[in-house]
């Protein structure tokens, strides 16, 4: 092998941001929308950390991922929490009782974090509301990352009385099981290393 210019024995560096550490955070809702067709629908809520050391984490990650993609791939916002909308006819409702419990609990956490606000079935009214987020750990093909595990009362997060979710990794594929405990459907979940071919519009569903 012949020597070449630029060789230096050093570790490669990357500007890729990792995932948000396990823990609880105060967040702001940046967007909300209903996806899918009746009776198989989800409420998708885009959030970002709004207080503390990691404030703005998901938007910074989104901007960093856009810079790394150099326009070759569609970059998706990672701070999204998905709730299946309870429906007795939902073909994906493997756990209808937990679907209902998780949806009711999530709305309660948002209402209790925003005195004077009451859920009125208008998802757009969620934008700008404060809520706590509790991160959970996942593993896929040896890659460990975090995702929003559940919503919490924001004041309880500030007071430090919310217990972080424990480290709990489980190998799963992105197209199979439903996570009963979180109310999230893995088939729609974005893994942190996913790249998506640039669409014809190149638009992002959130920003």
N, C-alpha and C. Protein backbone atom coordinates (compact mmCIF):
# COMPACT_ATOMS: atom_id res chain seq x y z
N UNK A 1 0.85 -1.19 0.00
CA UNK A 1 0.00 0.00 0.00
C UNK A 1 0.89 1.24 0.00
N UNK A 2 0.53 2.19 -0.84
CA UNK A 2 1.32 3.41 -0.93
C UNK A 2 0.77 4.47 0.02
N UNK A 3 1.66 5.25 0.64
CA UNK A 3 1.20 6.34 1.49
C UNK A 3 0.37 7.34 0.70
N UNK A 4 -0.54 7.99 1.34
CA UNK A 4 -1.34 9.01 0.67
C UNK A 4 -1.41 10.25 1.55
N UNK A 5 -1.64 11.39 0.90
CA UNK A 5 -1.72 12.66 1.61
C UNK A 5 -2.96 12.72 2.50
N UNK A 6 -2.83 13.34 3.63
CA UNK A 6 -3.95 13.53 4.53
C UNK A 6 -4.09 12.47 5.60
N UNK A 7 -3.18 11.46 5.59
CA UNK A 7 -3.30 10.41 6.61
C UNK A 7 -2.90 10.94 7.97
N UNK A 8 -3.71 10.59 8.98
CA UNK A 8 -3.38 10.88 10.36
C UNK A 8 -4.15 9.90 11.22
N UNK A 9 -3.49 9.21 12.12
CA UNK A 9 -4.13 8.24 12.97
C UNK A 9 -4.97 8.97 14.03
N UNK A 10 -6.26 9.08 13.77
CA UNK A 10 -7.15 9.76 14.70
C UNK A 10 -8.57 9.24 14.51
N UNK A 11 -9.37 9.40 15.55
CA UNK A 11 -10.76 8.94 15.49
C UNK A 11 -11.57 9.84 14.58
N UNK A 12 -12.48 9.22 13.85
CA UNK A 12 -13.37 9.99 12.99
C UNK A 12 -14.34 10.78 13.86
N UNK A 13 -14.66 11.99 13.43
CA UNK A 13 -15.59 12.81 14.18
C UNK A 13 -16.85 13.02 13.37
N UNK A 14 -17.94 13.14 14.07
CA UNK A 14 -19.23 13.32 13.41
C UNK A 14 -20.00 14.43 14.11
N UNK A 15 -20.74 15.22 13.31
CA UNK A 15 -21.57 16.26 13.90
C UNK A 15 -23.00 15.77 14.12
N UNK A 16 -23.21 14.46 14.01
CA UNK A 16 -24.54 13.91 14.20
C UNK A 16 -24.91 13.96 15.68
N UNK A 17 -26.06 14.54 15.97
CA UNK A 17 -26.53 14.58 17.35
C UNK A 17 -27.13 13.25 17.73
N UNK A 18 -26.91 12.85 18.98
CA UNK A 18 -27.52 11.62 19.47
C UNK A 18 -28.96 11.86 19.88
N UNK A 19 -29.47 10.97 20.72
CA UNK A 19 -30.85 11.14 21.17
C UNK A 19 -30.88 11.80 22.55
N UNK A 20 -32.04 12.29 22.92
CA UNK A 20 -32.21 12.96 24.21
C UNK A 20 -31.98 11.95 25.33
N UNK A 21 -31.17 12.29 26.34
CA UNK A 21 -30.90 11.35 27.42
C UNK A 21 -32.17 10.95 28.17
N UNK A 22 -32.14 9.75 28.75
CA UNK A 22 -33.24 9.34 29.62
C UNK A 22 -33.47 10.40 30.69
N UNK A 23 -34.73 10.63 31.02
CA UNK A 23 -35.04 11.61 32.04
C UNK A 23 -36.39 12.25 31.76
N UNK A 24 -36.74 13.25 32.56
CA UNK A 24 -38.00 13.97 32.38
C UNK A 24 -37.69 15.43 32.07
N UNK A 25 -38.50 16.03 31.22
CA UNK A 25 -38.25 17.38 30.75
C UNK A 25 -39.57 18.13 30.62
N UNK A 26 -39.49 19.45 30.75
CA UNK A 26 -40.63 20.30 30.44
C UNK A 26 -40.55 20.64 28.95
N UNK A 27 -41.67 20.47 28.26
CA UNK A 27 -41.67 20.65 26.81
C UNK A 27 -42.84 21.53 26.38
N UNK A 28 -42.76 22.01 25.16
CA UNK A 28 -43.84 22.79 24.56
C UNK A 28 -44.33 22.03 23.32
N UNK A 29 -45.63 22.07 23.10
CA UNK A 29 -46.22 21.42 21.92
C UNK A 29 -46.07 22.36 20.73
N UNK A 30 -45.40 21.90 19.70
CA UNK A 30 -45.12 22.72 18.53
C UNK A 30 -46.05 22.41 17.37
N UNK A 31 -46.74 21.30 17.44
CA UNK A 31 -47.67 20.95 16.37
C UNK A 31 -48.49 19.74 16.77
N UNK A 32 -49.67 19.61 16.20
CA UNK A 32 -50.52 18.45 16.47
C UNK A 32 -51.39 18.19 15.25
N UNK A 33 -51.57 16.92 14.91
CA UNK A 33 -52.41 16.60 13.76
C UNK A 33 -52.93 15.17 13.90
N UNK A 34 -54.05 14.92 13.25
CA UNK A 34 -54.62 13.58 13.19
C UNK A 34 -54.19 12.96 11.87
N UNK A 35 -53.66 11.75 11.93
CA UNK A 35 -53.22 11.05 10.73
C UNK A 35 -54.02 9.77 10.55
N UNK A 36 -54.06 9.28 9.32
CA UNK A 36 -54.78 8.06 9.02
C UNK A 36 -56.24 8.34 8.72
N UNK A 37 -56.94 7.30 8.35
CA UNK A 37 -58.36 7.40 8.02
C UNK A 37 -59.18 6.65 9.06
N UNK A 38 -60.37 7.15 9.32
CA UNK A 38 -61.25 6.46 10.25
C UNK A 38 -61.52 5.04 9.76
N UNK A 39 -61.53 4.05 10.66
CA UNK A 39 -61.41 4.20 12.11
C UNK A 39 -59.98 4.06 12.62
N UNK A 40 -59.00 4.01 11.71
CA UNK A 40 -57.61 3.79 12.11
C UNK A 40 -56.86 5.12 12.09
N UNK A 41 -56.92 5.83 13.19
CA UNK A 41 -56.30 7.15 13.25
C UNK A 41 -55.39 7.28 14.46
N UNK A 42 -54.45 8.21 14.34
CA UNK A 42 -53.56 8.54 15.45
C UNK A 42 -53.53 10.05 15.63
N UNK A 43 -53.32 10.46 16.87
CA UNK A 43 -53.03 11.86 17.16
C UNK A 43 -51.53 11.98 17.32
N UNK A 44 -50.91 12.75 16.44
CA UNK A 44 -49.46 12.96 16.48
C UNK A 44 -49.19 14.33 17.08
N UNK A 45 -48.33 14.36 18.09
CA UNK A 45 -48.00 15.60 18.78
C UNK A 45 -46.50 15.84 18.68
N UNK A 46 -46.11 16.95 18.07
CA UNK A 46 -44.70 17.32 17.97
C UNK A 46 -44.33 18.19 19.17
N UNK A 47 -43.26 17.82 19.87
CA UNK A 47 -42.85 18.53 21.08
C UNK A 47 -41.37 18.90 21.01
N UNK A 48 -41.00 19.88 21.82
CA UNK A 48 -39.59 20.18 22.00
C UNK A 48 -39.36 20.60 23.45
N UNK A 49 -38.20 20.28 23.96
CA UNK A 49 -37.84 20.67 25.32
C UNK A 49 -37.82 22.20 25.40
N UNK A 50 -38.45 22.74 26.43
CA UNK A 50 -38.57 24.20 26.52
C UNK A 50 -37.84 24.81 27.70
N UNK A 51 -37.34 23.98 28.62
CA UNK A 51 -36.65 24.51 29.79
C UNK A 51 -35.41 23.67 30.08
N UNK A 52 -34.42 24.30 30.70
CA UNK A 52 -33.25 23.57 31.15
C UNK A 52 -32.15 23.42 30.11
N UNK A 53 -31.21 22.59 30.46
CA UNK A 53 -30.00 22.40 29.64
C UNK A 53 -30.30 21.96 28.22
N UNK A 54 -31.35 21.17 28.03
CA UNK A 54 -31.63 20.61 26.71
C UNK A 54 -32.74 21.36 25.98
N UNK A 55 -33.01 22.59 26.37
CA UNK A 55 -34.05 23.38 25.70
C UNK A 55 -33.76 23.47 24.21
N UNK A 56 -34.79 23.23 23.41
CA UNK A 56 -34.64 23.30 21.96
C UNK A 56 -33.96 22.11 21.34
N UNK A 57 -33.82 21.01 22.08
CA UNK A 57 -33.04 19.87 21.61
C UNK A 57 -33.53 19.35 20.25
N UNK A 58 -34.83 19.11 20.13
CA UNK A 58 -35.32 18.46 18.92
C UNK A 58 -35.24 19.36 17.69
N UNK A 59 -35.43 20.66 17.88
CA UNK A 59 -35.27 21.56 16.75
C UNK A 59 -33.80 21.66 16.34
N UNK A 60 -32.90 21.68 17.32
CA UNK A 60 -31.47 21.69 17.00
C UNK A 60 -31.08 20.41 16.26
N UNK A 61 -31.64 19.28 16.70
CA UNK A 61 -31.35 18.02 16.02
C UNK A 61 -31.90 18.03 14.60
N UNK A 62 -33.09 18.56 14.45
CA UNK A 62 -33.68 18.67 13.11
C UNK A 62 -32.80 19.51 12.19
N UNK A 63 -32.34 20.66 12.70
CA UNK A 63 -31.47 21.53 11.90
C UNK A 63 -30.15 20.84 11.59
N UNK A 64 -29.60 20.12 12.57
CA UNK A 64 -28.35 19.40 12.37
C UNK A 64 -28.51 18.31 11.32
N UNK A 65 -29.61 17.58 11.40
CA UNK A 65 -29.86 16.51 10.43
C UNK A 65 -30.05 17.08 9.02
N UNK A 66 -30.70 18.24 8.92
CA UNK A 66 -30.88 18.89 7.62
C UNK A 66 -29.53 19.26 7.02
N UNK A 67 -28.64 19.78 7.88
CA UNK A 67 -27.31 20.17 7.40
C UNK A 67 -26.53 18.96 6.93
N UNK A 68 -26.64 17.86 7.65
CA UNK A 68 -25.93 16.64 7.28
C UNK A 68 -26.48 16.03 6.01
N UNK A 69 -27.77 16.20 5.77
CA UNK A 69 -28.39 15.57 4.60
C UNK A 69 -28.00 16.28 3.30
N UNK A 70 -27.57 17.55 3.40
CA UNK A 70 -27.18 18.33 2.23
C UNK A 70 -28.26 18.30 1.15
N UNK A 71 -29.51 18.20 1.55
CA UNK A 71 -30.61 18.21 0.61
C UNK A 71 -30.85 16.91 -0.12
N UNK A 72 -30.08 15.87 0.22
CA UNK A 72 -30.22 14.60 -0.47
C UNK A 72 -31.35 13.76 0.10
N UNK A 73 -31.70 14.00 1.35
CA UNK A 73 -32.73 13.21 2.02
C UNK A 73 -33.73 14.13 2.69
N UNK A 74 -34.95 13.62 2.80
CA UNK A 74 -35.96 14.33 3.56
C UNK A 74 -35.70 14.08 5.03
N UNK A 75 -35.58 15.14 5.79
CA UNK A 75 -35.30 15.04 7.22
C UNK A 75 -36.59 15.16 7.99
N UNK A 76 -36.79 14.29 8.95
CA UNK A 76 -38.01 14.29 9.73
C UNK A 76 -37.75 14.67 11.18
N UNK A 77 -38.68 15.42 11.71
CA UNK A 77 -38.60 15.87 13.08
C UNK A 77 -38.80 14.68 14.01
N UNK A 78 -37.90 14.50 14.98
CA UNK A 78 -37.91 13.30 15.79
C UNK A 78 -38.73 13.40 17.09
N UNK A 79 -39.04 14.62 17.53
CA UNK A 79 -39.72 14.77 18.80
C UNK A 79 -41.23 14.62 18.70
N UNK A 80 -41.69 13.47 18.19
CA UNK A 80 -43.11 13.26 17.96
C UNK A 80 -43.63 12.14 18.86
N UNK A 81 -44.75 12.42 19.52
CA UNK A 81 -45.43 11.43 20.37
C UNK A 81 -46.73 11.06 19.68
N UNK A 82 -46.97 9.76 19.52
CA UNK A 82 -48.14 9.29 18.78
C UNK A 82 -49.08 8.52 19.70
N UNK A 83 -50.34 8.86 19.60
CA UNK A 83 -51.39 8.20 20.37
C UNK A 83 -52.42 7.63 19.41
N UNK A 84 -52.73 6.35 19.56
CA UNK A 84 -53.83 5.80 18.79
C UNK A 84 -55.14 6.37 19.33
N UNK A 85 -56.00 6.81 18.42
CA UNK A 85 -57.29 7.35 18.82
C UNK A 85 -58.23 6.19 19.07
N UNK A 86 -58.75 6.04 20.29
CA UNK A 86 -59.59 4.89 20.62
C UNK A 86 -60.80 4.77 19.70
N UNK A 87 -61.02 3.56 19.23
CA UNK A 87 -62.16 3.28 18.37
C UNK A 87 -62.39 1.78 18.39
N UNK A 88 -63.61 1.37 18.70
CA UNK A 88 -63.90 -0.06 18.83
C UNK A 88 -63.69 -0.80 17.51
N UNK A 89 -63.79 -0.10 16.39
CA UNK A 89 -63.63 -0.74 15.08
C UNK A 89 -62.22 -0.62 14.52
N UNK A 90 -61.31 -0.08 15.31
CA UNK A 90 -59.94 0.11 14.84
C UNK A 90 -59.26 -1.24 14.66
N UNK A 91 -58.86 -1.55 13.44
CA UNK A 91 -58.23 -2.84 13.17
C UNK A 91 -56.88 -2.98 13.87
N UNK A 92 -56.29 -1.86 14.26
CA UNK A 92 -55.00 -1.90 14.95
C UNK A 92 -55.15 -1.92 16.46
N UNK A 93 -56.39 -1.94 16.92
CA UNK A 93 -56.63 -1.86 18.37
C UNK A 93 -56.44 -3.22 19.02
N UNK A 94 -55.19 -3.65 19.13
CA UNK A 94 -54.91 -4.91 19.81
C UNK A 94 -55.12 -4.78 21.31
N UNK A 95 -54.98 -3.56 21.80
CA UNK A 95 -55.14 -3.30 23.23
C UNK A 95 -56.10 -2.13 23.40
N UNK A 96 -57.39 -2.31 23.12
CA UNK A 96 -58.34 -1.18 23.16
C UNK A 96 -58.42 -0.51 24.52
N UNK A 97 -58.30 -1.28 25.60
CA UNK A 97 -58.38 -0.68 26.93
C UNK A 97 -57.19 0.23 27.19
N UNK A 98 -56.00 -0.20 26.80
CA UNK A 98 -54.83 0.65 27.02
C UNK A 98 -54.83 1.85 26.07
N UNK A 99 -55.39 1.68 24.85
CA UNK A 99 -55.53 2.82 23.94
C UNK A 99 -56.34 3.93 24.62
N UNK A 100 -57.47 3.53 25.21
CA UNK A 100 -58.33 4.50 25.87
C UNK A 100 -57.63 5.10 27.09
N UNK A 101 -57.00 4.24 27.88
CA UNK A 101 -56.31 4.71 29.08
C UNK A 101 -55.18 5.69 28.72
N UNK A 102 -54.40 5.36 27.71
CA UNK A 102 -53.27 6.20 27.33
C UNK A 102 -53.73 7.54 26.76
N UNK A 103 -54.79 7.51 25.94
CA UNK A 103 -55.29 8.76 25.37
C UNK A 103 -55.82 9.66 26.47
N UNK A 104 -56.67 9.11 27.34
CA UNK A 104 -57.24 9.91 28.43
C UNK A 104 -56.15 10.48 29.33
N UNK A 105 -55.13 9.68 29.62
CA UNK A 105 -54.06 10.12 30.50
C UNK A 105 -53.25 11.24 29.86
N UNK A 106 -52.95 11.11 28.56
CA UNK A 106 -52.16 12.13 27.88
C UNK A 106 -52.89 13.47 27.89
N UNK A 107 -54.20 13.45 27.60
CA UNK A 107 -54.96 14.70 27.61
C UNK A 107 -55.01 15.28 29.02
N UNK A 108 -55.16 14.42 30.03
CA UNK A 108 -55.17 14.90 31.42
C UNK A 108 -53.86 15.59 31.77
N UNK A 109 -52.73 15.02 31.34
CA UNK A 109 -51.42 15.62 31.64
C UNK A 109 -51.30 16.99 30.99
N UNK A 110 -51.84 17.13 29.79
CA UNK A 110 -51.77 18.43 29.11
C UNK A 110 -52.68 19.43 29.82
N UNK A 111 -53.91 19.01 30.14
CA UNK A 111 -54.83 19.92 30.83
C UNK A 111 -54.27 20.36 32.19
N UNK A 112 -53.74 19.42 32.94
CA UNK A 112 -53.24 19.75 34.28
C UNK A 112 -51.98 20.60 34.24
N UNK A 113 -51.29 20.59 33.12
CA UNK A 113 -50.09 21.42 32.96
C UNK A 113 -50.42 22.83 32.50
N UNK A 114 -51.67 23.05 32.09
CA UNK A 114 -52.08 24.34 31.54
C UNK A 114 -53.40 24.76 32.17
N UNK A 115 -53.37 25.34 33.38
CA UNK A 115 -54.59 25.73 34.07
C UNK A 115 -55.48 26.59 33.19
N UNK A 116 -56.77 26.24 33.16
CA UNK A 116 -57.72 26.99 32.34
C UNK A 116 -57.96 26.36 30.98
N UNK A 117 -57.08 25.46 30.57
CA UNK A 117 -57.27 24.79 29.28
C UNK A 117 -58.07 23.52 29.47
N UNK A 118 -59.04 23.30 28.58
CA UNK A 118 -59.82 22.06 28.57
C UNK A 118 -59.86 21.52 27.15
N UNK A 119 -59.61 20.26 27.00
CA UNK A 119 -59.61 19.60 25.69
C UNK A 119 -60.97 19.78 25.02
N UNK A 120 -60.98 20.30 23.79
CA UNK A 120 -62.24 20.57 23.09
C UNK A 120 -62.30 19.87 21.73
N UNK A 121 -61.49 18.83 21.56
CA UNK A 121 -61.45 18.02 20.34
C UNK A 121 -60.90 18.78 19.13
N UNK A 122 -60.21 19.88 19.42
CA UNK A 122 -59.53 20.64 18.37
C UNK A 122 -58.03 20.47 18.58
N UNK A 123 -57.41 19.59 17.81
CA UNK A 123 -55.99 19.30 18.01
C UNK A 123 -55.11 20.52 17.80
N UNK A 124 -55.55 21.47 16.96
CA UNK A 124 -54.75 22.67 16.74
C UNK A 124 -54.63 23.51 18.00
N UNK A 125 -55.60 23.37 18.91
CA UNK A 125 -55.56 24.12 20.15
C UNK A 125 -54.47 23.65 21.10
N UNK A 126 -53.83 22.53 20.80
CA UNK A 126 -52.74 22.03 21.64
C UNK A 126 -51.45 22.81 21.42
N UNK A 127 -51.31 23.45 20.28
CA UNK A 127 -50.06 24.15 19.95
C UNK A 127 -49.79 25.25 20.97
N UNK A 128 -48.56 25.26 21.46
CA UNK A 128 -48.15 26.26 22.44
C UNK A 128 -48.35 25.84 23.88
N UNK A 129 -49.04 24.71 24.10
CA UNK A 129 -49.29 24.24 25.45
C UNK A 129 -48.02 23.59 26.02
N UNK A 130 -47.87 23.67 27.34
CA UNK A 130 -46.75 23.09 28.05
C UNK A 130 -47.13 21.72 28.59
N UNK A 131 -46.18 20.79 28.60
CA UNK A 131 -46.41 19.47 29.19
C UNK A 131 -45.06 18.84 29.49
N UNK A 132 -45.04 17.92 30.41
CA UNK A 132 -43.80 17.19 30.69
C UNK A 132 -43.67 15.98 29.77
N UNK A 133 -42.45 15.60 29.47
CA UNK A 133 -42.20 14.39 28.70
C UNK A 133 -41.23 13.50 29.47
N UNK A 134 -41.49 12.21 29.43
CA UNK A 134 -40.67 11.22 30.12
C UNK A 134 -40.11 10.29 29.06
N UNK A 135 -38.79 10.23 28.96
CA UNK A 135 -38.15 9.49 27.89
C UNK A 135 -38.01 8.01 28.24
N UNK A 136 -38.14 7.17 27.22
CA UNK A 136 -37.90 5.74 27.40
C UNK A 136 -36.78 5.31 26.46
N UNK A 137 -36.12 4.25 26.84
CA UNK A 137 -34.99 3.74 26.08
C UNK A 137 -35.44 2.56 25.21
N UNK A 138 -34.90 2.53 24.00
CA UNK A 138 -35.19 1.44 23.07
C UNK A 138 -33.89 0.95 22.44
N UNK A 139 -33.98 -0.22 21.83
CA UNK A 139 -32.81 -0.79 21.13
C UNK A 139 -33.28 -1.46 19.86
N UNK A 140 -32.56 -1.22 18.78
CA UNK A 140 -32.88 -1.84 17.50
C UNK A 140 -31.57 -2.18 16.79
N UNK A 141 -31.38 -3.47 16.53
CA UNK A 141 -30.15 -3.91 15.85
C UNK A 141 -28.89 -3.40 16.54
N UNK A 142 -28.92 -3.40 17.86
CA UNK A 142 -27.74 -2.97 18.62
C UNK A 142 -27.64 -1.47 18.83
N UNK A 143 -28.54 -0.69 18.23
CA UNK A 143 -28.53 0.76 18.39
C UNK A 143 -29.49 1.14 19.50
N UNK A 144 -29.00 1.80 20.52
CA UNK A 144 -29.82 2.24 21.64
C UNK A 144 -30.16 3.71 21.45
N UNK A 145 -31.44 4.04 21.64
CA UNK A 145 -31.87 5.42 21.48
C UNK A 145 -33.05 5.66 22.41
N UNK A 146 -33.48 6.89 22.51
CA UNK A 146 -34.63 7.22 23.35
C UNK A 146 -35.76 7.77 22.50
N UNK A 147 -36.96 7.64 23.03
CA UNK A 147 -38.16 8.20 22.42
C UNK A 147 -39.05 8.68 23.55
N UNK A 148 -40.02 9.54 23.23
CA UNK A 148 -40.93 10.03 24.24
C UNK A 148 -41.81 8.87 24.69
N UNK A 149 -41.72 8.52 25.97
CA UNK A 149 -42.44 7.37 26.47
C UNK A 149 -43.83 7.69 26.96
N UNK A 150 -43.98 8.83 27.63
CA UNK A 150 -45.30 9.25 28.09
C UNK A 150 -45.24 10.73 28.47
N UNK A 151 -46.41 11.32 28.60
CA UNK A 151 -46.51 12.72 29.00
C UNK A 151 -46.69 12.80 30.51
N UNK A 152 -46.24 13.92 31.09
CA UNK A 152 -46.31 14.12 32.53
C UNK A 152 -46.81 15.53 32.82
N UNK A 153 -47.20 15.76 34.06
CA UNK A 153 -47.55 17.10 34.50
C UNK A 153 -46.29 17.96 34.56
N UNK A 154 -46.32 19.11 33.93
CA UNK A 154 -45.12 19.94 33.83
C UNK A 154 -44.63 20.43 35.19
N UNK A 155 -45.55 20.84 36.06
CA UNK A 155 -45.13 21.33 37.37
C UNK A 155 -44.50 20.21 38.20
N UNK A 156 -45.01 18.99 38.06
CA UNK A 156 -44.41 17.87 38.78
C UNK A 156 -42.99 17.61 38.30
N UNK A 157 -42.77 17.82 37.00
CA UNK A 157 -41.41 17.67 36.46
C UNK A 157 -40.50 18.74 37.07
N UNK A 158 -40.98 19.96 37.12
CA UNK A 158 -40.18 21.06 37.68
C UNK A 158 -39.84 20.82 39.15
N UNK A 159 -40.79 20.21 39.87
CA UNK A 159 -40.58 19.95 41.31
C UNK A 159 -39.69 18.74 41.55
N UNK A 160 -39.40 18.00 40.50
CA UNK A 160 -38.53 16.84 40.65
C UNK A 160 -39.20 15.64 41.28
N UNK A 161 -40.54 15.56 41.19
CA UNK A 161 -41.23 14.45 41.83
C UNK A 161 -41.70 13.39 40.82
N UNK A 162 -41.28 13.53 39.56
CA UNK A 162 -41.62 12.53 38.55
C UNK A 162 -40.43 11.60 38.38
N UNK A 163 -40.65 10.32 38.53
CA UNK A 163 -39.57 9.34 38.39
C UNK A 163 -39.30 9.09 36.91
N UNK A 164 -38.04 9.19 36.47
CA UNK A 164 -37.73 8.87 35.08
C UNK A 164 -38.01 7.40 34.78
N UNK A 165 -38.36 7.11 33.56
CA UNK A 165 -38.57 5.73 33.15
C UNK A 165 -37.23 5.00 33.20
N UNK A 166 -37.27 3.75 33.62
CA UNK A 166 -36.05 2.96 33.75
C UNK A 166 -35.52 2.55 32.39
N UNK A 167 -34.23 2.30 32.33
CA UNK A 167 -33.63 1.78 31.11
C UNK A 167 -34.25 0.43 30.81
N UNK A 168 -34.87 0.34 29.65
CA UNK A 168 -35.56 -0.91 29.30
C UNK A 168 -35.45 -1.10 27.80
N UNK A 169 -34.47 -1.89 27.36
CA UNK A 169 -34.26 -2.11 25.93
C UNK A 169 -34.91 -3.40 25.51
N UNK A 170 -35.43 -3.38 24.29
CA UNK A 170 -36.05 -4.58 23.72
C UNK A 170 -35.89 -4.54 22.22
N UNK A 171 -35.34 -5.59 21.65
CA UNK A 171 -35.13 -5.64 20.21
C UNK A 171 -36.47 -5.82 19.51
N UNK A 172 -36.77 -4.89 18.63
CA UNK A 172 -37.99 -4.97 17.84
C UNK A 172 -37.71 -4.47 16.45
N UNK A 173 -38.50 -4.90 15.52
CA UNK A 173 -38.39 -4.38 14.17
C UNK A 173 -39.31 -3.19 14.01
N UNK A 174 -39.05 -2.29 13.06
CA UNK A 174 -39.87 -1.10 12.91
C UNK A 174 -41.24 -1.40 12.32
N UNK A 175 -41.48 -2.64 11.89
CA UNK A 175 -42.74 -2.94 11.22
C UNK A 175 -43.52 -4.05 11.89
N UNK A 176 -43.33 -4.22 13.20
CA UNK A 176 -44.11 -5.29 13.80
C UNK A 176 -44.87 -4.85 15.04
N UNK A 177 -44.41 -5.23 16.23
CA UNK A 177 -45.24 -5.18 17.43
C UNK A 177 -45.71 -3.79 17.79
N UNK A 178 -46.79 -3.76 18.55
CA UNK A 178 -47.32 -2.53 19.12
C UNK A 178 -46.90 -2.46 20.57
N UNK A 179 -46.42 -1.31 21.00
CA UNK A 179 -46.00 -1.12 22.39
C UNK A 179 -47.23 -0.78 23.22
N UNK A 180 -47.71 -1.75 23.97
CA UNK A 180 -48.94 -1.56 24.73
C UNK A 180 -48.78 -0.48 25.77
N UNK A 181 -47.62 -0.44 26.38
CA UNK A 181 -47.45 0.46 27.51
C UNK A 181 -47.42 1.92 27.14
N UNK A 182 -46.98 2.28 25.94
CA UNK A 182 -46.80 3.68 25.60
C UNK A 182 -47.94 4.27 24.80
N UNK A 183 -48.78 3.42 24.22
CA UNK A 183 -49.82 3.94 23.36
C UNK A 183 -49.30 4.34 22.00
N UNK A 184 -48.07 3.97 21.69
CA UNK A 184 -47.47 4.32 20.42
C UNK A 184 -47.39 3.09 19.53
N UNK A 185 -47.52 3.30 18.24
CA UNK A 185 -47.48 2.19 17.30
C UNK A 185 -46.14 2.19 16.58
N UNK A 186 -45.40 1.10 16.73
CA UNK A 186 -44.04 1.08 16.21
C UNK A 186 -43.97 1.18 14.69
N UNK A 187 -45.01 0.77 13.99
CA UNK A 187 -44.96 0.81 12.53
C UNK A 187 -44.79 2.23 12.02
N UNK A 188 -45.21 3.23 12.81
CA UNK A 188 -45.12 4.62 12.38
C UNK A 188 -43.95 5.36 13.01
N UNK A 189 -43.19 4.68 13.80
CA UNK A 189 -42.14 5.36 14.56
C UNK A 189 -40.89 5.57 13.72
N UNK A 190 -40.31 6.76 13.83
CA UNK A 190 -39.08 7.08 13.11
C UNK A 190 -37.88 6.66 13.96
N UNK A 191 -37.07 5.78 13.42
CA UNK A 191 -35.85 5.42 14.12
C UNK A 191 -34.83 6.52 13.90
N UNK A 192 -33.93 6.75 14.86
CA UNK A 192 -33.08 7.92 14.81
C UNK A 192 -32.07 7.91 13.68
N UNK A 193 -31.80 6.76 13.08
CA UNK A 193 -30.82 6.72 12.00
C UNK A 193 -31.49 6.61 10.63
N UNK A 194 -32.83 6.68 10.58
CA UNK A 194 -33.53 6.55 9.31
C UNK A 194 -33.18 7.69 8.36
N UNK A 195 -32.95 7.36 7.11
CA UNK A 195 -32.84 8.34 6.04
C UNK A 195 -33.98 8.09 5.08
N UNK A 196 -34.54 9.15 4.55
CA UNK A 196 -35.68 9.03 3.65
C UNK A 196 -35.33 9.70 2.33
N UNK A 197 -35.48 9.00 1.19
CA UNK A 197 -35.22 9.65 -0.10
C UNK A 197 -36.03 10.93 -0.19
N UNK A 198 -35.42 11.94 -0.76
CA UNK A 198 -36.07 13.25 -0.85
C UNK A 198 -37.32 13.14 -1.70
N UNK A 199 -38.44 13.64 -1.17
CA UNK A 199 -39.70 13.57 -1.89
C UNK A 199 -39.74 14.64 -2.97
N UNK A 200 -40.79 14.60 -3.78
CA UNK A 200 -40.90 15.55 -4.87
C UNK A 200 -41.05 16.98 -4.35
N UNK A 201 -41.67 17.13 -3.17
CA UNK A 201 -41.83 18.47 -2.61
C UNK A 201 -40.68 18.82 -1.66
N UNK A 202 -40.05 17.79 -1.08
CA UNK A 202 -38.98 18.02 -0.14
C UNK A 202 -39.47 18.64 1.16
N UNK A 203 -40.79 18.61 1.41
CA UNK A 203 -41.34 19.28 2.57
C UNK A 203 -41.26 18.38 3.80
N UNK A 204 -41.25 19.02 4.95
CA UNK A 204 -41.26 18.30 6.21
C UNK A 204 -42.65 18.36 6.79
N UNK A 205 -43.16 17.27 7.37
CA UNK A 205 -44.53 17.30 7.86
C UNK A 205 -44.78 18.25 9.00
N UNK A 206 -43.71 18.74 9.63
CA UNK A 206 -43.89 19.65 10.76
C UNK A 206 -43.33 21.03 10.49
N UNK A 207 -42.13 21.14 9.91
CA UNK A 207 -41.49 22.45 9.80
C UNK A 207 -40.96 22.69 8.40
